[in-house]
Amino acid sequence: MDSVKIEFVQSMSELSDQHRYDLDEMAGDYPFLQYNFLSLLEDSGVVGEGTGWKPHHCLVFRDEQLIGFIPLYFKYHSYGEYVFDHSWADAYFRYGFDYFPKLVTAIPFTPITGPRLCIKNAGLDEVTRKSIPSKIVEQVKALAHDSDASSFHLLFPTAQQTTERQTDFDFDRKAVHFQWQNRGYQSFDHFLEGFSSRKRKNVRKERKALLDKGIEFDVLSGGQIQPEHWSAFYKFYVMTYAKRSGHGGYLNKAFFDGLTHTMTNELVLVLAKREGKYIAGALNFRDSNCLYGRYWGAIEHHEFLHFEACYYQGIDYCIAQGLERFDPGVQGEHKIQRGFEPVFTHSLHWIRDDAFRVAIANAVKEETVYVEDYYQACRQALPFKKASE
């Protein structure tokens, strides 16, 4: 470990061309840790000065080679993370302490489980490779002390990384998301064969209702996505966010424009049209195993349109492409009746102050009981046939 050093950078632009290549090699085809995605967030101004997300990424080098990386941000609010700790911040405030800034390893505005600590596999001995993640966490904790950050949070790591890193943090906070699993389906109808009769009829009724209205869908990827498609989708995205929350969304036009030039092969855009005019859209990312549903918008309201654009079209795509999983993001119990199964997601937390650490850990322990009960209730509500049917 003597030749290994850890550094922090305040922008992805500080990485050399070789280090960008090294990062993408470590990230594999998981799109949200690739250099192009993380740098586009910064270049478009979605994160950075004035956004509450201040990049401070952690890099590990051996000699001049990049062998480890985690995305890291100083956070000055809790928006765009989807692990809700507002009550923790309120408790700090009530007792006269500052919860912000905090340190967060996350993919901004992307509540998708995936690798968070990237470590190079080839060319490293096993002892070095296994010791690097703990060394990174130690350095981030030291940074928290030096910068007076209240805490360090690792959001939505894989199950394996959660298990491996639990001893580096104070507690693991569980949540429940809903994902679709491909069990070798040959078609959407094949998938529905596993549903109970009533639930199967409901899904078919929803799909037919849109066909009866003359609503059609274009599923575009790669070079098929043209500027007019982006223009339509961005309009849907902004108007839907504005109607729902009073602002135009976390992401701006520069971000979506940048995707067309940097991540074309990772994108799957579903556009709904009626009478030849686009009326709604859902943007997904993909890798070799999974489709990730991310952003949605519409300028016309039609019953079941959201379900079709965001879920059923994605399932059709996964079956056609042989993808193993469809992860549409957070929330949405309505996904259960459409065959999306509950899964546990995780976030790991370290609290610098001893008293707050104990109080928050106790609260999370109590919360976990309810989360696990909720998971079981969701499983009971799935639309699949029972053994007796």
Protein backbone atom coordinates (compact mmCIF):
# COMPACT_ATOMS: atom_id res chain seq x y z
CA MET A 1 0.00 0.00 0.00
CA ASP A 2 3.03 2.34 0.23
CA SER A 3 2.71 3.30 -3.44
CA VAL A 4 -1.02 4.02 -3.16
CA LYS A 5 -2.17 7.61 -2.62
CA ILE A 6 -5.62 9.17 -2.30
CA GLU A 7 -6.50 12.57 -3.71
CA PHE A 8 -9.62 14.73 -4.03
CA VAL A 9 -10.59 16.73 -7.10
CA GLN A 10 -13.25 19.41 -7.39
CA SER A 11 -14.20 18.65 -10.97
CA MET A 12 -14.22 15.67 -13.31
CA SER A 13 -12.35 17.90 -15.76
CA GLU A 14 -9.24 17.49 -13.61
CA LEU A 15 -8.89 13.88 -14.73
CA SER A 16 -6.43 13.29 -17.55
CA ASP A 17 -7.48 11.45 -20.70
CA GLN A 18 -5.82 8.29 -19.38
CA HIS A 19 -7.58 8.59 -16.03
CA ARG A 20 -10.92 9.02 -17.80
CA TYR A 21 -10.24 5.81 -19.66
CA ASP A 22 -9.26 4.08 -16.39
CA LEU A 23 -12.50 5.25 -14.73
CA ASP A 24 -14.68 3.96 -17.56
CA GLU A 25 -12.85 0.64 -17.44
CA MET A 26 -13.59 0.33 -13.71
CA ALA A 27 -17.23 1.42 -14.14
CA GLY A 28 -17.82 -1.11 -16.91
CA ASP A 29 -21.03 -0.45 -18.79
CA TYR A 30 -22.92 0.86 -15.75
CA PRO A 31 -23.81 4.25 -17.26
CA PHE A 32 -24.06 6.42 -14.16
CA LEU A 33 -20.42 6.08 -13.10
CA GLN A 34 -18.96 6.66 -16.53
CA TYR A 35 -16.91 9.78 -17.01
CA ASN A 36 -19.27 11.24 -19.61
CA PHE A 37 -22.29 11.12 -17.31
CA LEU A 38 -20.60 12.56 -14.22
CA SER A 39 -18.79 15.27 -16.18
CA LEU A 40 -21.97 16.23 -18.04
CA LEU A 41 -23.71 16.90 -14.72
CA GLU A 42 -20.95 19.40 -13.97
CA ASP A 43 -20.53 20.90 -17.45
CA SER A 44 -24.26 21.58 -17.75
CA GLY A 45 -24.34 23.31 -14.36
CA VAL A 46 -26.76 20.78 -12.89
CA VAL A 47 -24.27 20.24 -10.08
CA GLY A 48 -21.65 22.71 -8.94
CA GLU A 49 -21.72 26.31 -7.78
CA GLY A 50 -25.10 27.40 -6.47
CA THR A 51 -26.78 23.99 -6.78
CA GLY A 52 -26.10 22.55 -3.32
CA TRP A 53 -23.98 19.81 -4.93
CA LYS A 54 -20.27 20.67 -4.68
CA PRO A 55 -18.10 18.00 -6.35
CA HIS A 56 -15.17 16.70 -4.33
CA HIS A 57 -14.48 13.33 -5.94
CA CYS A 58 -12.08 10.84 -4.38
CA LEU A 59 -9.41 9.22 -6.55
CA VAL A 60 -6.92 6.49 -5.68
CA PHE A 61 -3.63 6.22 -7.56
CA ARG A 62 -0.82 3.73 -7.70
CA ASP A 63 2.06 5.59 -9.26
CA GLU A 64 0.25 7.43 -12.07
CA GLN A 65 -2.48 4.88 -12.65
CA LEU A 66 -6.03 5.47 -11.41
CA ILE A 67 -7.02 2.35 -9.48
CA GLY A 68 -9.97 3.56 -7.39
CA PHE A 69 -12.73 6.16 -7.52
CA ILE A 70 -15.89 7.27 -5.72
CA PRO A 71 -18.13 10.18 -6.68
CA LEU A 72 -18.28 12.54 -3.72
CA TYR A 73 -20.14 15.76 -3.05
CA PHE A 74 -20.43 18.31 -0.29
CA LYS A 75 -24.19 18.70 0.08
CA TYR A 76 -25.89 21.81 1.40
CA HIS A 77 -29.43 20.42 1.26
CA SER A 78 -31.01 16.97 0.95
CA TYR A 79 -32.78 17.30 -2.40
CA GLY A 80 -32.07 15.04 -5.35
CA GLU A 81 -30.81 12.13 -3.22
CA TYR A 82 -34.02 10.15 -2.56
CA VAL A 83 -32.79 8.92 0.81
CA PHE A 84 -34.82 11.20 2.99
CA ASP A 85 -32.99 12.60 6.01
CA HIS A 86 -34.89 15.85 6.49
CA SER A 87 -35.85 14.83 10.03
CA TRP A 88 -32.18 14.37 10.86
CA ALA A 89 -31.40 17.87 9.63
CA ASP A 90 -34.34 19.23 11.62
CA ALA A 91 -33.01 17.58 14.80
CA TYR A 92 -29.61 19.22 14.31
CA PHE A 93 -31.30 22.58 13.78
CA ARG A 94 -33.48 22.26 16.89
CA TYR A 95 -30.42 21.64 19.05
CA GLY A 96 -28.43 24.48 17.50
CA PHE A 97 -26.09 22.41 15.32
CA ASP A 98 -25.40 22.41 11.60
CA TYR A 99 -26.27 19.30 9.61
CA PHE A 100 -24.99 20.87 6.39
CA PRO A 101 -22.62 20.50 4.80
CA LYS A 102 -22.58 16.74 4.73
CA LEU A 103 -20.59 14.44 2.46
CA VAL A 104 -22.49 12.22 0.06
CA THR A 105 -21.40 9.50 -2.33
CA ALA A 106 -24.28 9.25 -4.77
CA ILE A 107 -25.27 9.69 -8.37
CA PRO A 108 -27.10 13.04 -8.36
CA PHE A 109 -30.84 12.81 -9.08
CA THR A 110 -30.44 9.09 -9.80
CA PRO A 111 -31.87 6.73 -7.14
CA ILE A 112 -30.58 3.64 -8.92
CA THR A 113 -28.68 0.86 -7.14
CA GLY A 114 -25.22 0.23 -8.52
CA PRO A 115 -21.50 0.24 -7.75
CA ARG A 116 -20.36 3.26 -5.79
CA LEU A 117 -16.73 2.39 -5.02
CA CYS A 118 -14.87 1.53 -8.21
CA ILE A 119 -11.71 -0.51 -7.76
CA LYS A 120 -9.48 -1.77 -10.54
CA ASN A 121 -9.32 -5.56 -10.61
CA ALA A 122 -6.53 -6.37 -13.03
CA GLY A 123 -2.95 -5.94 -11.84
CA LEU A 124 -3.72 -5.49 -8.13
CA ASP A 125 -2.88 -8.06 -5.50
CA GLU A 126 -5.81 -9.22 -3.40
CA VAL A 127 -4.65 -7.53 -0.19
CA THR A 128 -4.31 -4.14 -1.89
CA ARG A 129 -7.59 -4.45 -3.77
CA LYS A 130 -9.58 -5.34 -0.65
CA SER A 131 -7.97 -2.66 1.52
CA ILE A 132 -8.60 0.29 -0.81
CA PRO A 133 -12.34 0.84 -0.03
CA SER A 134 -11.72 1.13 3.71
CA LYS A 135 -8.83 3.50 3.06
CA ILE A 136 -11.14 5.66 0.96
CA VAL A 137 -13.78 5.76 3.72
CA GLU A 138 -11.10 6.68 6.27
CA GLN A 139 -9.96 9.59 4.11
CA VAL A 140 -13.52 10.83 3.60
CA LYS A 141 -14.13 10.72 7.35
CA ALA A 142 -10.92 12.70 7.88
CA LEU A 143 -12.19 15.20 5.31
CA ALA A 144 -15.45 15.48 7.26
CA HIS A 145 -13.53 16.33 10.43
CA ASP A 146 -11.32 18.87 8.64
CA SER A 147 -14.23 20.55 6.83
CA ASP A 148 -16.71 20.34 9.73
CA ALA A 149 -19.11 18.20 7.70
CA SER A 150 -21.68 16.48 9.89
CA SER A 151 -21.68 13.07 8.25
CA PHE A 152 -20.86 10.79 5.32
CA HIS A 153 -23.54 8.94 3.36
CA LEU A 154 -23.10 6.20 0.74
CA LEU A 155 -26.36 5.94 -1.20
CA PHE A 156 -27.72 2.96 -3.14
CA PRO A 157 -24.63 0.73 -3.26
CA THR A 158 -24.99 -2.82 -4.55
CA ALA A 159 -25.90 -5.54 -2.06
CA GLN A 160 -22.33 -6.82 -2.20
CA GLN A 161 -20.79 -3.42 -1.52
CA THR A 162 -23.31 -2.87 1.28
CA THR A 163 -22.18 -6.09 2.97
CA GLU A 164 -18.49 -5.37 2.43
CA ARG A 165 -18.64 -1.79 3.74
CA GLN A 166 -21.04 -2.10 6.71
CA THR A 167 -18.21 -2.13 9.25
CA ASP A 168 -16.93 1.19 7.86
CA PHE A 169 -20.22 2.94 8.66
CA ASP A 170 -22.50 3.29 11.66
CA PHE A 171 -25.63 1.76 10.19
CA ASP A 172 -27.37 0.50 7.05
CA ARG A 173 -30.71 2.10 6.22
CA LYS A 174 -33.08 -0.05 4.17
CA ALA A 175 -35.76 1.07 1.73
CA VAL A 176 -38.04 -0.75 -0.68
CA HIS A 177 -37.98 -0.16 -4.45
CA PHE A 178 -39.79 -2.08 -7.17
CA GLN A 179 -38.04 -3.82 -10.06
CA TRP A 180 -39.05 -6.10 -12.90
CA GLN A 181 -37.20 -9.39 -13.28
CA ASN A 182 -36.90 -11.16 -16.64
CA ARG A 183 -37.44 -14.87 -16.07
CA GLY A 184 -36.83 -15.88 -19.65
CA TYR A 185 -40.02 -14.36 -21.06
CA GLN A 186 -40.49 -14.69 -24.81
CA SER A 187 -43.13 -11.95 -25.08
CA PHE A 188 -45.27 -9.64 -22.98
CA ASP A 189 -48.11 -12.17 -23.15
CA HIS A 190 -45.72 -14.83 -21.87
CA PHE A 191 -44.96 -12.54 -18.92
CA LEU A 192 -48.68 -12.07 -18.26
CA GLU A 193 -49.28 -15.81 -18.20
CA GLY A 194 -47.89 -15.78 -14.67
CA PHE A 195 -50.55 -13.32 -13.47
CA SER A 196 -53.82 -14.27 -11.89
CA SER A 197 -56.71 -14.07 -14.36
CA ARG A 198 -58.15 -10.83 -13.00
CA LYS A 199 -54.81 -9.02 -12.83
CA ARG A 200 -53.90 -10.18 -16.34
CA LYS A 201 -57.17 -8.79 -17.69
CA ASN A 202 -56.53 -5.46 -15.96
CA VAL A 203 -53.15 -5.00 -17.65
CA ARG A 204 -54.51 -5.95 -21.05
CA LYS A 205 -57.39 -3.52 -20.54
CA GLU A 206 -54.95 -0.69 -19.76
CA ARG A 207 -52.90 -1.34 -22.89
CA LYS A 208 -55.96 -1.65 -25.11
CA ALA A 209 -57.43 1.61 -23.82
CA LEU A 210 -54.53 3.54 -25.33
CA LEU A 211 -54.69 1.64 -28.61
CA ASP A 212 -58.39 2.50 -28.83
CA LYS A 213 -57.47 6.18 -28.52
CA GLY A 214 -55.02 5.85 -31.39
CA ILE A 215 -51.97 6.41 -29.19
CA GLU A 216 -48.82 4.82 -30.59
CA PHE A 217 -45.28 4.52 -29.30
CA ASP A 218 -41.85 5.02 -30.83
CA VAL A 219 -38.98 3.35 -28.97
CA LEU A 220 -35.74 5.00 -30.06
CA SER A 221 -32.12 4.31 -29.20
CA GLY A 222 -28.68 5.27 -30.43
CA GLY A 223 -28.63 7.34 -33.59
CA GLN A 224 -32.40 7.03 -33.95
CA ILE A 225 -32.84 9.82 -31.38
CA GLN A 226 -32.84 13.06 -33.36
CA PRO A 227 -32.90 16.72 -32.20
CA GLU A 228 -36.67 16.95 -32.71
CA HIS A 229 -37.14 14.01 -30.35
CA TRP A 230 -35.04 15.69 -27.67
CA SER A 231 -36.91 18.94 -28.13
CA ALA A 232 -40.24 17.21 -27.62
CA PHE A 233 -39.07 15.22 -24.62
CA TYR A 234 -37.52 18.22 -22.87
CA LYS A 235 -40.79 20.12 -23.22
CA PHE A 236 -42.66 17.20 -21.61
CA TYR A 237 -40.12 16.96 -18.79
CA VAL A 238 -40.18 20.67 -17.91
CA MET A 239 -43.96 21.05 -18.07
CA THR A 240 -44.60 17.95 -15.97
CA TYR A 241 -42.14 19.04 -13.27
CA ALA A 242 -43.55 22.56 -13.25
CA LYS A 243 -47.09 21.27 -12.81
CA ARG A 244 -46.09 18.86 -10.05
CA SER A 245 -43.56 20.85 -8.06
CA GLY A 246 -43.54 24.43 -9.31
CA HIS A 247 -40.08 24.26 -10.90
CA GLY A 248 -38.80 22.96 -14.21
CA GLY A 249 -36.93 19.94 -12.87
CA TYR A 250 -33.42 19.31 -11.60
CA LEU A 251 -31.98 18.82 -15.08
CA ASN A 252 -31.63 21.51 -17.73
CA LYS A 253 -31.62 21.59 -21.52
CA ALA A 254 -27.82 21.64 -21.65
CA PHE A 255 -27.76 18.31 -19.82
CA PHE A 256 -30.18 16.63 -22.22
CA ASP A 257 -28.44 18.17 -25.23
CA GLY A 258 -25.15 16.81 -23.94
CA LEU A 259 -26.50 13.29 -23.70
CA THR A 260 -27.00 13.22 -27.47
CA HIS A 261 -23.28 13.73 -28.03
CA THR A 262 -21.78 11.68 -25.21
CA MET A 263 -24.03 8.76 -24.24
CA THR A 264 -26.09 7.89 -27.28
CA ASN A 265 -25.59 4.14 -26.99
CA GLU A 266 -26.82 4.06 -23.39
CA LEU A 267 -30.16 5.77 -24.07
CA VAL A 268 -33.62 4.39 -24.80
CA LEU A 269 -36.29 7.03 -25.44
CA VAL A 270 -39.99 6.08 -25.47
CA LEU A 271 -42.23 8.65 -27.15
CA ALA A 272 -46.03 8.48 -27.28
CA LYS A 273 -47.85 10.08 -30.18
CA ARG A 274 -51.46 10.76 -31.06
CA GLU A 275 -52.57 11.88 -34.50
CA GLY A 276 -48.93 12.10 -35.52
CA LYS A 277 -47.98 14.46 -32.67
CA TYR A 278 -45.76 13.53 -29.75
CA ILE A 279 -47.58 13.95 -26.44
CA ALA A 280 -45.43 12.18 -23.82
CA GLY A 281 -42.07 10.53 -23.29
CA ALA A 282 -39.98 8.43 -20.94
CA LEU A 283 -36.17 8.43 -21.00
CA ASN A 284 -34.29 5.30 -19.96
CA PHE A 285 -30.64 4.33 -19.70
CA ARG A 286 -29.36 0.81 -20.23
CA ASP A 287 -26.34 -1.42 -19.87
CA SER A 288 -25.80 -5.02 -20.90
CA ASN A 289 -28.07 -6.40 -18.16
CA CYS A 290 -30.53 -3.75 -17.05
CA LEU A 291 -32.84 -0.99 -18.22
CA TYR A 292 -33.01 2.03 -15.91
CA GLY A 293 -36.13 4.20 -16.07
CA ARG A 294 -35.26 7.79 -15.27
CA TYR A 295 -37.33 10.73 -16.53
CA TRP A 296 -40.91 11.20 -17.69
CA GLY A 297 -43.14 13.97 -18.98
CA ALA A 298 -46.40 14.58 -20.86
CA ILE A 299 -48.43 17.44 -22.31
CA GLU A 300 -51.68 15.48 -22.54
CA HIS A 301 -53.34 13.43 -19.83
CA HIS A 302 -54.67 10.02 -20.78
CA GLU A 303 -55.53 7.30 -18.31
CA PHE A 304 -52.83 4.58 -18.23
CA LEU A 305 -50.43 6.61 -20.44
CA HIS A 306 -47.82 6.82 -17.68
CA PHE A 307 -47.98 3.07 -17.05
CA GLU A 308 -47.55 2.27 -20.74
CA ALA A 309 -44.73 4.70 -21.47
CA CYS A 310 -42.77 4.15 -18.27
CA TYR A 311 -43.39 0.44 -17.56
CA TYR A 312 -45.01 -1.68 -20.27
CA GLN A 313 -42.91 -0.32 -23.12
CA GLY A 314 -39.81 -0.86 -20.98
CA ILE A 315 -40.79 -4.45 -20.27
CA ASP A 316 -41.35 -5.03 -23.99
CA TYR A 317 -37.88 -3.61 -24.66
CA CYS A 318 -36.20 -5.77 -22.00
CA ILE A 319 -37.80 -8.93 -23.39
CA ALA A 320 -36.80 -8.07 -26.96
CA GLN A 321 -33.23 -7.20 -25.94
CA GLY A 322 -32.79 -10.04 -23.43
CA LEU A 323 -32.12 -7.70 -20.50
CA GLU A 324 -32.35 -9.31 -17.08
CA ARG A 325 -33.85 -6.48 -15.08
CA PHE A 326 -35.80 -3.22 -15.30
CA ASP A 327 -35.19 -0.72 -12.50
CA PRO A 328 -37.61 2.22 -12.83
CA GLY A 329 -36.38 4.12 -9.75
CA VAL A 330 -38.04 5.06 -6.49
CA GLN A 331 -41.55 4.98 -5.08
CA GLY A 332 -44.73 3.84 -6.77
CA GLU A 333 -46.82 1.11 -5.21
CA HIS A 334 -48.79 1.11 -8.46
CA LYS A 335 -45.86 -0.82 -9.93
CA ILE A 336 -46.73 -3.88 -7.84
CA GLN A 337 -49.90 -4.72 -9.76
CA ARG A 338 -47.90 -4.48 -12.97
CA GLY A 339 -45.40 -7.14 -12.00
CA PHE A 340 -42.63 -5.05 -10.44
CA GLU A 341 -41.37 -6.90 -7.37
CA PRO A 342 -40.22 -5.30 -4.10
CA VAL A 343 -36.49 -5.32 -3.46
CA PHE A 344 -34.47 -3.89 -0.60
CA THR A 345 -32.17 -1.00 -1.37
CA HIS A 346 -29.53 0.30 1.00
CA SER A 347 -27.75 3.41 2.16
CA LEU A 348 -24.81 3.46 4.57
CA HIS A 349 -24.33 6.32 7.03
CA TRP A 350 -21.60 7.63 9.31
CA ILE A 351 -22.48 10.41 11.78
CA ARG A 352 -19.60 12.41 13.20
CA ASP A 353 -21.25 13.52 16.45
CA ASP A 354 -21.57 10.74 19.06
CA ALA A 355 -24.92 11.82 20.51
CA PHE A 356 -26.62 12.31 17.15
CA ARG A 357 -25.11 9.03 15.94
CA VAL A 358 -26.82 7.07 18.71
CA ALA A 359 -30.16 8.87 18.30
CA ILE A 360 -30.28 8.47 14.51
CA ALA A 361 -29.13 4.84 14.65
CA ASN A 362 -31.94 4.04 17.11
CA ALA A 363 -34.48 5.75 14.86
CA VAL A 364 -33.26 3.79 11.84
CA LYS A 365 -33.44 0.55 13.81
CA GLU A 366 -37.10 1.22 14.60
CA GLU A 367 -37.76 2.27 11.00
CA THR A 368 -36.26 -0.98 9.71
CA VAL A 369 -38.98 -3.03 11.41
CA TYR A 370 -41.65 -1.15 9.45
CA VAL A 371 -39.66 -1.33 6.20
CA GLU A 372 -39.32 -5.10 6.47
CA ASP A 373 -43.03 -5.48 7.26
CA TYR A 374 -43.83 -3.27 4.27
CA TYR A 375 -41.65 -5.43 2.04
CA GLN A 376 -43.58 -8.56 3.06
CA ALA A 377 -46.93 -6.83 2.50
CA CYS A 378 -45.81 -5.81 -0.99
CA ARG A 379 -44.83 -9.35 -1.81
CA GLN A 380 -48.27 -10.54 -0.79
CA ALA A 381 -49.84 -7.98 -3.13
CA LEU A 382 -48.01 -9.13 -6.28
CA PRO A 383 -50.30 -10.10 -9.18
CA PHE A 384 -48.74 -13.49 -9.82
CA LYS A 385 -50.72 -16.70 -9.51
CA LYS A 386 -50.68 -18.43 -6.14
CA ALA A 387 -49.49 -22.02 -5.92
CA SER A 388 -53.10 -23.21 -5.65
CA GLU A 389 -54.20 -21.47 -8.88
